[in-house]
Amino acid sequence: MPYNAQTSKLKRARNQRRALLKLLAANMILHKKICTTETKAKAVRPFVERLLSVAKKDSVTSRRYAARFLPKSAVVVLHQIAAGYKERNGGYTRIVKTASRRRDNTRMAFIEFV
């Protein structure tokens, strides 16, 4: 039985989409806030929140899981961020919509940690 896709494909092949999500997640973790298109922000949100939920356990397994997707510097920062969310059960990120991009009128948004 076919099911609907849970996230947007972002007009990319699977490997390109995964690479994009990894890059956006790493930049978001390192800079705490990024400006991107609204669709990409909505696509990267569950990816980052899942990484943060796993990182809250602060075990070797969680560090290895994060290392599958992020560079070493981002893994260290991720676990520092996760320490601040120990008592929070979810909703670690916020998407703030901004003005459209001038050249192609694409809806833009900031995605940041709460």
C-alpha atoms as a PDB file:
ATOM      1  CA  MET A   1       0.000   0.000   0.000  1.00  0.00           C
ATOM      2  CA  PRO A   2       1.572   3.319  -0.998  1.00  0.00           C
ATOM      3  CA  TYR A   3       1.883   5.978   1.655  1.00  0.00           C
ATOM      4  CA  ASN A   4       2.382   9.698   1.244  1.00  0.00           C
ATOM      5  CA  ALA A   5       5.882  11.088   1.656  1.00  0.00           C
ATOM      6  CA  GLN A   6       6.502  12.509   5.123  1.00  0.00           C
ATOM      7  CA  THR A   7       8.907  15.215   3.977  1.00  0.00           C
ATOM      8  CA  SER A   8       9.608  17.206   0.865  1.00  0.00           C
ATOM      9  CA  LYS A   9      12.044  15.758  -1.671  1.00  0.00           C
ATOM     10  CA  LEU A  10      13.429  19.254  -2.328  1.00  0.00           C
ATOM     11  CA  LYS A  11      13.745  18.442  -6.063  1.00  0.00           C
ATOM     12  CA  ARG A  12      16.861  16.366  -5.401  1.00  0.00           C
ATOM     13  CA  ALA A  13      17.964  12.770  -5.597  1.00  0.00           C
ATOM     14  CA  ARG A  14      18.181  10.840  -2.337  1.00  0.00           C
ATOM     15  CA  ASN A  15      21.932  11.170  -1.862  1.00  0.00           C
ATOM     16  CA  GLN A  16      21.871  14.890  -2.712  1.00  0.00           C
ATOM     17  CA  ARG A  17      18.983  15.461  -0.313  1.00  0.00           C
ATOM     18  CA  ARG A  18      20.795  13.663   2.511  1.00  0.00           C
ATOM     19  CA  ALA A  19      23.953  15.675   1.872  1.00  0.00           C
ATOM     20  CA  LEU A  20      21.937  18.904   1.954  1.00  0.00           C
ATOM     21  CA  LEU A  21      20.265  17.975   5.240  1.00  0.00           C
ATOM     22  CA  LYS A  22      23.603  17.038   6.804  1.00  0.00           C
ATOM     23  CA  LEU A  23      25.123  20.351   5.712  1.00  0.00           C
ATOM     24  CA  LEU A  24      22.175  22.416   6.951  1.00  0.00           C
ATOM     25  CA  ALA A  25      22.136  20.537  10.275  1.00  0.00           C
ATOM     26  CA  ALA A  26      25.881  21.003  10.804  1.00  0.00           C
ATOM     27  CA  ASN A  27      25.654  24.726  10.052  1.00  0.00           C
ATOM     28  CA  MET A  28      22.664  25.128  12.318  1.00  0.00           C
ATOM     29  CA  ILE A  29      24.423  23.381  15.188  1.00  0.00           C
ATOM     30  CA  LEU A  30      27.636  25.362  14.749  1.00  0.00           C
ATOM     31  CA  HIS A  31      25.974  28.771  14.260  1.00  0.00           C
ATOM     32  CA  LYS A  32      22.794  28.226  16.375  1.00  0.00           C
ATOM     33  CA  LYS A  33      20.703  29.944  13.671  1.00  0.00           C
ATOM     34  CA  ILE A  34      20.599  29.820   9.871  1.00  0.00           C
ATOM     35  CA  CYS A  35      18.628  31.576   7.178  1.00  0.00           C
ATOM     36  CA  THR A  36      17.323  29.294   4.440  1.00  0.00           C
ATOM     37  CA  THR A  37      14.193  28.712   2.410  1.00  0.00           C
ATOM     38  CA  GLU A  38      11.060  27.827   4.317  1.00  0.00           C
ATOM     39  CA  THR A  39      10.848  24.376   2.700  1.00  0.00           C
ATOM     40  CA  LYS A  40      14.426  23.486   3.597  1.00  0.00           C
ATOM     41  CA  ALA A  41      13.877  24.731   7.155  1.00  0.00           C
ATOM     42  CA  LYS A  42      10.834  22.478   7.498  1.00  0.00           C
ATOM     43  CA  ALA A  43      12.817  19.539   6.106  1.00  0.00           C
ATOM     44  CA  VAL A  44      15.836  19.968   8.385  1.00  0.00           C
ATOM     45  CA  ARG A  45      13.818  20.521  11.564  1.00  0.00           C
ATOM     46  CA  PRO A  46      12.965  16.847  12.326  1.00  0.00           C
ATOM     47  CA  PHE A  47      16.523  15.813  11.408  1.00  0.00           C
ATOM     48  CA  VAL A  48      18.083  18.232  13.910  1.00  0.00           C
ATOM     49  CA  GLU A  49      15.530  17.483  16.613  1.00  0.00           C
ATOM     50  CA  ARG A  50      16.162  13.741  16.297  1.00  0.00           C
ATOM     51  CA  LEU A  51      19.929  14.319  16.597  1.00  0.00           C
ATOM     52  CA  LEU A  52      19.395  16.495  19.662  1.00  0.00           C
ATOM     53  CA  SER A  53      17.091  13.950  21.310  1.00  0.00           C
ATOM     54  CA  VAL A  54      19.693  11.215  20.864  1.00  0.00           C
ATOM     55  CA  ALA A  55      22.488  13.529  22.060  1.00  0.00           C
ATOM     56  CA  LYS A  56      20.665  14.202  25.335  1.00  0.00           C
ATOM     57  CA  LYS A  57      21.613  10.687  26.500  1.00  0.00           C
ATOM     58  CA  ASP A  58      25.324  11.640  26.252  1.00  0.00           C
ATOM     59  CA  SER A  59      26.669   8.138  25.705  1.00  0.00           C
ATOM     60  CA  VAL A  60      29.253   6.695  23.357  1.00  0.00           C
ATOM     61  CA  THR A  61      26.442   5.359  21.200  1.00  0.00           C
ATOM     62  CA  SER A  62      24.850   8.788  20.872  1.00  0.00           C
ATOM     63  CA  ARG A  63      28.188  10.337  19.902  1.00  0.00           C
ATOM     64  CA  ARG A  64      28.721   7.669  17.244  1.00  0.00           C
ATOM     65  CA  TYR A  65      25.191   8.183  15.936  1.00  0.00           C
ATOM     66  CA  ALA A  66      25.794  11.935  15.600  1.00  0.00           C
ATOM     67  CA  ALA A  67      29.187  11.317  13.984  1.00  0.00           C
ATOM     68  CA  ARG A  68      27.430   9.444  11.162  1.00  0.00           C
ATOM     69  CA  PHE A  69      25.836  12.713  10.061  1.00  0.00           C
ATOM     70  CA  LEU A  70      27.986  15.556  11.397  1.00  0.00           C
ATOM     71  CA  PRO A  71      31.653  16.587  11.431  1.00  0.00           C
ATOM     72  CA  LYS A  72      33.585  16.210  14.700  1.00  0.00           C
ATOM     73  CA  SER A  73      33.352  19.888  15.636  1.00  0.00           C
ATOM     74  CA  ALA A  74      29.563  19.825  15.245  1.00  0.00           C
ATOM     75  CA  VAL A  75      29.255  16.658  17.360  1.00  0.00           C
ATOM     76  CA  VAL A  76      31.037  18.355  20.263  1.00  0.00           C
ATOM     77  CA  VAL A  77      28.837  21.447  20.002  1.00  0.00           C
ATOM     78  CA  LEU A  78      25.700  19.292  19.653  1.00  0.00           C
ATOM     79  CA  HIS A  79      26.370  17.585  22.980  1.00  0.00           C
ATOM     80  CA  GLN A  80      27.003  20.956  24.631  1.00  0.00           C
ATOM     81  CA  ILE A  81      23.661  22.212  23.313  1.00  0.00           C
ATOM     82  CA  ALA A  82      21.910  19.003  24.370  1.00  0.00           C
ATOM     83  CA  ALA A  83      23.051  19.493  27.961  1.00  0.00           C
ATOM     84  CA  GLY A  84      20.838  22.587  28.138  1.00  0.00           C
ATOM     85  CA  TYR A  85      17.763  20.668  26.992  1.00  0.00           C
ATOM     86  CA  LYS A  86      17.890  17.768  29.494  1.00  0.00           C
ATOM     87  CA  GLU A  87      14.507  18.624  31.030  1.00  0.00           C
ATOM     88  CA  ARG A  88      12.797  19.549  27.747  1.00  0.00           C
ATOM     89  CA  ASN A  89      10.801  16.801  26.012  1.00  0.00           C
ATOM     90  CA  GLY A  90      10.830  18.177  22.487  1.00  0.00           C
ATOM     91  CA  GLY A  91      10.405  21.284  20.389  1.00  0.00           C
ATOM     92  CA  TYR A  92      14.030  22.318  20.388  1.00  0.00           C
ATOM     93  CA  THR A  93      13.845  24.428  17.234  1.00  0.00           C
ATOM     94  CA  ARG A  94      11.789  27.348  15.993  1.00  0.00           C
ATOM     95  CA  ILE A  95      11.113  28.465  12.428  1.00  0.00           C
ATOM     96  CA  VAL A  96      10.605  32.212  11.967  1.00  0.00           C
ATOM     97  CA  LYS A  97       9.329  33.238   8.547  1.00  0.00           C
ATOM     98  CA  THR A  98      10.905  36.323   7.000  1.00  0.00           C
ATOM     99  CA  ALA A  99      10.457  38.391   3.850  1.00  0.00           C
ATOM    100  CA  SER A 100      10.670  36.721   0.457  1.00  0.00           C
ATOM    101  CA  ARG A 101      13.930  36.668  -1.450  1.00  0.00           C
ATOM    102  CA  ARG A 102      13.999  39.507  -3.993  1.00  0.00           C
ATOM    103  CA  ARG A 103      15.438  37.740  -7.001  1.00  0.00           C
ATOM    104  CA  ASP A 104      13.028  34.788  -7.195  1.00  0.00           C
ATOM    105  CA  ASN A 105      10.371  35.597  -4.565  1.00  0.00           C
ATOM    106  CA  THR A 106      11.118  32.429  -2.571  1.00  0.00           C
ATOM    107  CA  ARG A 107       9.774  32.373   0.967  1.00  0.00           C
ATOM    108  CA  MET A 108      12.658  32.559   3.428  1.00  0.00           C
ATOM    109  CA  ALA A 109      12.873  31.585   7.097  1.00  0.00           C
ATOM    110  CA  PHE A 110      15.257  31.476  10.020  1.00  0.00           C
ATOM    111  CA  ILE A 111      15.567  28.203  11.883  1.00  0.00           C
ATOM    112  CA  GLU A 112      17.070  28.467  15.342  1.00  0.00           C
ATOM    113  CA  PHE A 113      17.242  26.735  18.684  1.00  0.00           C
ATOM    114  CA  VAL A 114      14.644  27.789  21.249  1.00  0.00           C
END
